[in-house]
């Protein structure tokens, strides 16, 4: 079955231009209209998707597209959005983009064809073109957790900076100044924000964050395993390490458990903390210090923001504070372990 992209390709115009033709937008020239309608006739395309999705359809259905549904944080976000939607009498359709922009585009287009009342999108790390166009044409769009380049829609996200500052203050107070980070993909806005927040918090104490103390991950478990394994192999572990999400933290903990060589003890040789507070972190031994993101609040705010847009109201970006849970993995070092470490340096 032909899609709006097929028509756009044949007509030599953008998807946005095709949508303007089918929604009878006043800016469409007669030449443009003729070209698009001819392409639509060639493909036997009938406008049942984006054109009508631009108007409020009253289906009481919303769409949620998540970048990686296997990530526990995003699973919790999806549940929070669904709970808020159900309470308001809305059904929710979920799509997992699996961090693939083309898969994200497929779900966005499908949701528009289903004539959902609006969409909440946790964008893939690489922004997709159709998401940009959907934001331009459809006011009923909200971004959740991550910003997306050139996508003009309100963002509902957590604010990790204050909690990172509290964590750094705690680590420095316990005598740790060599602090590193396993970061997410450099292309992700959240990854850059977290590294910048760590760098700023360290600067208050006169501590730098050198490039060799930033290990590049991908927000996935295997990258946390790879980064920690490399540190252990090269014996370059810092005194303290912030891991930028829960999945990578699980990978790093796996490396500390399975590495064949000598492994530094936690927290005496290396203090560990991460962003995302998975349930298991409280009962692991040692328990893991974590910055908890307010998933329920994020999901509720995202749905309420979408509902406001559906009802024609202006919506502003919202940041919600995180909570630092200090646990055994960042406890003060036992004196003799600390002195042994400094004796070897």
Protein backbone atom coordinates (compact mmCIF):
# COMPACT_ATOMS: atom_id res chain seq x y z
CA UNK A 1 0.00 0.00 0.00
CA UNK A 2 1.37 3.39 -0.98
CA UNK A 3 2.34 5.82 1.76
CA UNK A 4 2.59 9.58 2.00
CA UNK A 5 6.37 9.20 1.63
CA UNK A 6 5.88 7.48 -1.75
CA UNK A 7 3.76 10.38 -2.96
CA UNK A 8 6.31 12.91 -1.72
CA UNK A 9 9.16 11.08 -3.48
CA UNK A 10 7.32 10.87 -6.79
CA UNK A 11 6.25 14.52 -6.63
CA UNK A 12 9.74 15.61 -5.65
CA UNK A 13 8.53 17.43 -2.55
CA UNK A 14 8.64 16.91 1.21
CA UNK A 15 6.14 14.94 3.28
CA UNK A 16 5.17 18.27 4.84
CA UNK A 17 4.25 19.66 1.41
CA UNK A 18 2.07 16.64 0.63
CA UNK A 19 0.33 17.07 3.96
CA UNK A 20 -0.37 20.74 3.26
CA UNK A 21 -2.01 19.81 -0.03
CA UNK A 22 -4.30 17.24 1.58
CA UNK A 23 -5.18 19.56 4.46
CA UNK A 24 -6.03 22.39 2.01
CA UNK A 25 -3.42 24.70 3.51
CA UNK A 26 -3.65 28.22 2.09
CA UNK A 27 0.10 28.38 1.40
CA UNK A 28 -0.05 25.66 -1.30
CA UNK A 29 0.41 26.95 -4.84
CA UNK A 30 -1.73 25.61 -7.73
CA UNK A 31 1.39 24.08 -9.30
CA UNK A 32 2.28 22.27 -6.08
CA UNK A 33 -1.26 20.97 -5.66
CA UNK A 34 -1.37 19.67 -9.22
CA UNK A 35 1.99 17.93 -8.85
CA UNK A 36 1.06 16.22 -5.57
CA UNK A 37 -2.40 15.15 -6.72
CA UNK A 38 -0.90 13.64 -9.88
CA UNK A 39 1.61 11.67 -7.78
CA UNK A 40 -1.18 10.54 -5.46
CA UNK A 41 -3.23 9.35 -8.44
CA UNK A 42 -0.23 7.46 -9.80
CA UNK A 43 0.10 5.59 -6.49
CA UNK A 44 -3.66 5.22 -5.94
CA UNK A 45 -3.06 7.03 -2.67
CA UNK A 46 -5.99 8.28 -0.64
CA UNK A 47 -5.34 10.82 2.14
CA UNK A 48 -6.36 8.99 5.27
CA UNK A 49 -3.32 9.74 7.37
CA UNK A 50 -1.45 12.92 8.11
CA UNK A 51 -3.93 15.35 6.63
CA UNK A 52 -6.77 14.28 8.89
CA UNK A 53 -4.40 13.68 11.82
CA UNK A 54 -3.64 17.37 11.77
CA UNK A 55 -7.17 18.02 13.02
CA UNK A 56 -8.48 16.83 16.30
CA UNK A 57 -10.06 13.46 15.57
CA UNK A 58 -11.60 12.65 18.92
CA UNK A 59 -10.49 8.99 18.94
CA UNK A 60 -9.47 9.25 22.62
CA UNK A 61 -6.34 7.34 21.66
CA UNK A 62 -2.74 8.52 22.03
CA UNK A 63 0.52 7.10 20.76
CA UNK A 64 3.76 6.59 22.67
CA UNK A 65 6.99 5.89 20.78
CA UNK A 66 9.87 4.83 23.02
CA UNK A 67 13.52 4.75 21.95
CA UNK A 68 14.35 1.47 23.75
CA UNK A 69 11.57 -0.40 25.52
CA UNK A 70 14.02 -3.00 26.91
CA UNK A 71 15.57 -0.30 29.07
CA UNK A 72 13.83 -0.57 32.49
CA UNK A 73 13.69 3.22 32.83
CA UNK A 74 11.72 3.58 29.61
CA UNK A 75 9.49 0.65 30.55
CA UNK A 76 8.60 2.46 33.77
CA UNK A 77 7.99 5.69 31.84
CA UNK A 78 5.64 3.88 29.46
CA UNK A 79 3.69 2.44 32.38
CA UNK A 80 3.41 5.89 33.98
CA UNK A 81 2.08 7.46 30.77
CA UNK A 82 -0.37 4.60 30.28
CA UNK A 83 -1.68 4.91 33.85
CA UNK A 84 -2.27 8.65 33.42
CA UNK A 85 -3.94 8.12 30.04
CA UNK A 86 -6.22 5.39 31.36
CA UNK A 87 -7.33 7.56 34.27
CA UNK A 88 -8.36 10.22 31.76
CA UNK A 89 -10.25 7.74 29.58
CA UNK A 90 -7.63 7.41 26.82
CA UNK A 91 -6.17 4.27 25.25
CA UNK A 92 -2.46 4.18 24.40
CA UNK A 93 -0.66 2.52 21.47
CA UNK A 94 3.05 1.84 22.12
CA UNK A 95 5.89 1.49 19.61
CA UNK A 96 9.50 0.52 20.35
CA UNK A 97 11.97 2.30 18.05
CA UNK A 98 14.94 0.25 19.32
CA UNK A 99 17.15 3.35 18.85
CA UNK A 100 16.59 3.18 15.07
CA UNK A 101 15.38 6.45 13.46
CA UNK A 102 13.77 4.62 10.55
CA UNK A 103 11.79 2.46 12.96
CA UNK A 104 10.75 5.58 14.85
CA UNK A 105 9.52 7.07 11.56
CA UNK A 106 7.51 3.93 10.85
CA UNK A 107 5.71 4.19 14.19
CA UNK A 108 5.11 7.94 13.84
CA UNK A 109 3.59 7.45 10.41
CA UNK A 110 1.49 4.50 11.60
CA UNK A 111 0.14 6.48 14.54
CA UNK A 112 -0.80 9.34 12.27
CA UNK A 113 -2.57 6.92 9.96
CA UNK A 114 -4.46 5.58 12.99
CA UNK A 115 -5.57 9.17 13.61
CA UNK A 116 -4.47 9.25 17.24
CA UNK A 117 -5.33 12.44 19.09
CA UNK A 118 -1.68 13.07 19.90
CA UNK A 119 1.76 11.53 20.41
CA UNK A 120 4.40 11.37 23.11
CA UNK A 121 7.84 10.48 21.78
CA UNK A 122 11.03 9.50 23.59
CA UNK A 123 13.29 10.28 20.60
CA UNK A 124 16.00 8.01 19.28
CA UNK A 125 19.52 9.34 19.71
CA UNK A 126 19.62 10.25 16.02
CA UNK A 127 16.68 12.49 15.10
CA UNK A 128 14.42 11.32 12.27
CA UNK A 129 13.11 13.57 9.52
CA UNK A 130 9.49 12.52 9.86
CA UNK A 131 9.51 13.45 13.55
CA UNK A 132 10.64 16.96 12.60
CA UNK A 133 7.86 17.25 10.03
CA UNK A 134 5.25 15.84 12.39
CA UNK A 135 6.23 18.48 14.96
CA UNK A 136 5.85 21.23 12.35
CA UNK A 137 2.46 20.03 11.19
CA UNK A 138 0.89 18.58 14.30
CA UNK A 139 0.64 20.61 17.50
CA UNK A 140 -0.37 17.48 19.40
CA UNK A 141 3.19 16.24 20.04
CA UNK A 142 5.24 16.13 23.25
CA UNK A 143 8.84 14.97 23.72
CA UNK A 144 9.68 12.94 26.81
CA UNK A 145 13.08 12.51 28.52
CA UNK A 146 15.27 13.52 25.55
CA UNK A 147 15.49 16.62 23.39
CA UNK A 148 15.64 16.14 19.61
CA UNK A 149 17.50 18.40 17.19
CA UNK A 150 15.23 20.82 15.32
CA UNK A 151 12.04 19.22 16.68
CA UNK A 152 9.89 22.06 17.98
CA UNK A 153 7.77 20.45 20.66
CA UNK A 154 7.70 20.85 24.46
CA UNK A 155 10.10 18.59 26.37
CA UNK A 156 9.22 16.93 29.67
CA UNK A 157 12.43 15.68 31.30
CA UNK A 158 14.18 15.14 34.60
CA UNK A 159 16.73 17.56 36.03
CA UNK A 160 19.76 15.53 37.13
CA UNK A 161 22.16 18.43 37.74
CA UNK A 162 21.27 19.21 41.40
CA UNK A 163 21.51 15.53 42.38
CA UNK A 164 24.85 15.19 40.57
CA UNK A 165 26.11 18.20 42.52
CA UNK A 166 25.01 16.57 45.79
CA UNK A 167 26.78 13.36 44.78
CA UNK A 168 30.04 15.16 43.98
CA UNK A 169 29.90 17.05 47.27
CA UNK A 170 29.53 13.71 49.07
CA UNK A 171 32.37 12.04 47.17
CA UNK A 172 34.76 14.93 47.79
CA UNK A 173 33.79 15.01 51.47
CA UNK A 174 34.82 11.35 51.71
CA UNK A 175 38.26 12.17 50.28
CA UNK A 176 37.73 11.20 46.64
CA UNK A 177 38.95 13.62 43.98
CA UNK A 178 39.76 11.32 41.06
CA UNK A 179 36.25 11.02 39.64
CA UNK A 180 35.23 9.68 36.22
CA UNK A 181 32.08 8.91 34.25
CA UNK A 182 30.75 6.26 31.90
CA UNK A 183 28.71 8.51 29.64
CA UNK A 184 26.01 7.73 27.13
CA UNK A 185 26.29 8.35 23.41
CA UNK A 186 27.75 11.79 22.66
CA UNK A 187 24.90 12.36 20.21
CA UNK A 188 22.32 12.15 22.99
CA UNK A 189 21.37 15.42 24.65
CA UNK A 190 20.89 13.71 28.02
CA UNK A 191 24.43 12.29 27.87
CA UNK A 192 25.94 15.71 27.23
CA UNK A 193 23.84 17.29 29.98
CA UNK A 194 25.03 14.75 32.55
CA UNK A 195 28.70 15.11 31.68
CA UNK A 196 28.38 18.89 31.75
CA UNK A 197 26.68 18.72 35.16
CA UNK A 198 29.45 16.51 36.52
CA UNK A 199 32.13 18.81 35.13
CA UNK A 200 30.48 21.88 36.68
CA UNK A 201 30.06 20.19 40.07
CA UNK A 202 33.71 19.13 40.11
CA UNK A 203 34.87 22.62 39.11
CA UNK A 204 33.35 24.04 42.32
CA UNK A 205 35.91 21.92 44.20
CA UNK A 206 38.77 22.85 41.88
CA UNK A 207 38.71 19.43 40.20
CA UNK A 208 38.89 18.90 36.44
CA UNK A 209 37.19 16.18 34.40
CA UNK A 210 39.90 15.25 31.88
CA UNK A 211 39.02 13.41 28.64
CA UNK A 212 40.70 10.22 29.87
CA UNK A 213 38.20 10.10 32.73
CA UNK A 214 35.22 10.03 30.33
CA UNK A 215 34.39 6.59 28.95
CA UNK A 216 31.92 6.62 26.05
CA UNK A 217 29.04 4.17 26.37
CA UNK A 218 25.79 3.75 24.47
CA UNK A 219 23.24 3.66 27.35
CA UNK A 220 23.11 -0.14 26.88
CA UNK A 221 24.30 -2.83 29.26
CA UNK A 222 27.03 -4.24 27.03
CA UNK A 223 28.73 -0.85 26.78
CA UNK A 224 28.93 -0.57 30.58
CA UNK A 225 30.50 -4.03 30.64
CA UNK A 226 33.00 -3.05 27.93
CA UNK A 227 33.98 0.25 29.57
CA UNK A 228 34.53 -1.28 33.00
CA UNK A 229 36.42 -4.24 31.52
CA UNK A 230 38.75 -1.84 29.75
CA UNK A 231 39.41 0.04 32.99
CA UNK A 232 40.18 -3.21 34.80
CA UNK A 233 42.42 -4.50 32.01
CA UNK A 234 44.35 -1.22 31.87
CA UNK A 235 44.23 -0.66 35.65
CA UNK A 236 42.84 2.84 35.11
CA UNK A 237 39.86 2.79 37.48
CA UNK A 238 39.27 6.16 39.18
CA UNK A 239 38.53 6.62 42.88
CA UNK A 240 34.87 7.20 42.06
CA UNK A 241 32.75 6.58 38.99
CA UNK A 242 29.37 7.96 37.92
CA UNK A 243 27.55 5.71 35.42
CA UNK A 244 25.03 7.55 33.29
CA UNK A 245 22.18 5.05 33.40
CA UNK A 246 21.05 1.86 35.10
CA UNK A 247 21.62 -0.47 32.16
CA UNK A 248 25.30 0.50 31.87
CA UNK A 249 25.64 0.22 35.65
CA UNK A 250 24.48 -3.40 35.47
CA UNK A 251 27.14 -4.04 32.83
CA UNK A 252 29.84 -2.40 34.95
CA UNK A 253 28.80 -4.48 37.99
CA UNK A 254 28.97 -7.62 35.85
CA UNK A 255 32.55 -6.75 34.87
CA UNK A 256 33.51 -6.27 38.51
CA UNK A 257 32.01 -9.66 39.33
CA UNK A 258 33.43 -11.70 36.44
CA UNK A 259 36.80 -10.10 35.61
CA UNK A 260 39.62 -12.64 35.72
CA UNK A 261 42.28 -10.31 37.11
CA UNK A 262 42.45 -8.41 40.36
CA UNK A 263 39.26 -6.47 40.96
CA UNK A 264 39.10 -3.26 43.05
CA UNK A 265 36.78 -3.41 46.03
CA UNK A 266 33.64 -1.28 46.25
CA UNK A 267 33.63 1.26 47.89
CA UNK A 268 37.18 1.11 49.32
CA UNK A 269 39.03 1.18 45.98
CA UNK A 270 36.31 2.57 43.75
CA UNK A 271 33.03 4.25 44.68
CA UNK A 272 30.17 3.58 42.29
CA UNK A 273 27.04 5.64 41.62
CA UNK A 274 24.60 5.72 38.73
CA UNK A 275 21.68 7.62 37.29
CA UNK A 276 18.46 5.50 37.44
CA UNK A 277 17.55 3.68 40.63
CA UNK A 278 16.67 0.09 39.74
CA UNK A 279 14.88 -1.91 42.43
CA UNK A 280 17.79 -4.32 42.85
CA UNK A 281 20.27 -1.56 43.72
CA UNK A 282 18.91 -1.32 47.27
CA UNK A 283 19.53 -4.98 48.08
CA UNK A 284 22.76 -5.69 46.20
CA UNK A 285 25.84 -6.06 48.43
CA UNK A 286 27.17 -3.48 48.55
CA UNK A 287 23.99 -1.55 47.81
CA UNK A 288 24.41 0.94 44.97
CA UNK A 289 24.13 4.72 45.28
CA UNK A 290 21.73 5.99 42.63
CA UNK A 291 20.07 9.15 41.36
CA UNK A 292 16.40 8.27 41.04
CA UNK A 293 14.50 9.85 38.16
CA UNK A 294 10.84 10.66 38.90
CA UNK A 295 9.32 8.28 36.36
CA UNK A 296 5.72 8.50 37.57
CA UNK A 297 5.80 12.28 37.66
CA UNK A 298 7.45 12.43 34.23
CA UNK A 299 4.84 10.15 32.69
CA UNK A 300 1.95 12.04 34.27
CA UNK A 301 3.32 15.45 33.26
CA UNK A 302 3.94 14.25 29.71
CA UNK A 303 0.35 13.05 29.33
CA UNK A 304 -1.08 16.19 30.93
CA UNK A 305 1.05 18.34 28.59
CA UNK A 306 -0.23 16.36 25.60
CA UNK A 307 -3.81 16.73 26.80
CA UNK A 308 -3.28 20.49 27.09
CA UNK A 309 -2.01 20.60 23.51
CA UNK A 310 -4.97 18.54 22.31
CA UNK A 311 -7.26 21.06 24.00
CA UNK A 312 -5.51 23.97 22.30
CA UNK A 313 -3.45 25.29 25.22
CA UNK A 314 0.17 26.43 25.14
CA UNK A 315 2.64 24.10 26.86
CA UNK A 316 6.10 24.93 28.19
CA UNK A 317 9.07 22.63 28.70
CA UNK A 318 9.19 21.12 32.19
CA UNK A 319 12.11 19.78 34.23
CA UNK A 320 11.45 17.65 37.33
CA UNK A 321 14.05 17.23 40.07
CA UNK A 322 15.72 13.88 40.77
CA UNK A 323 16.53 12.36 44.17
CA UNK A 324 19.95 11.12 45.33
CA UNK A 325 19.90 7.88 47.33
CA UNK A 326 23.26 7.44 49.10
CA UNK A 327 24.11 3.80 49.76
CA UNK A 328 27.08 1.60 50.63
CA UNK A 329 28.80 1.81 47.23
CA UNK A 330 29.89 5.40 47.97
CA UNK A 331 30.47 5.06 51.71
CA UNK A 332 33.67 6.47 53.25
CA UNK A 333 36.69 4.24 52.70
CA UNK A 334 38.08 2.12 55.50
CA UNK A 335 41.31 3.78 56.62
CA UNK A 336 43.76 0.98 55.90
CA UNK A 337 42.36 0.40 52.39
CA UNK A 338 42.64 4.08 51.59
CA UNK A 339 46.23 4.29 52.80
CA UNK A 340 47.17 1.17 50.81
CA UNK A 341 45.78 2.70 47.63
CA UNK A 342 47.70 5.96 48.08
CA UNK A 343 50.87 4.01 48.90
CA UNK A 344 50.74 2.41 45.44
CA UNK A 345 50.16 5.71 43.59
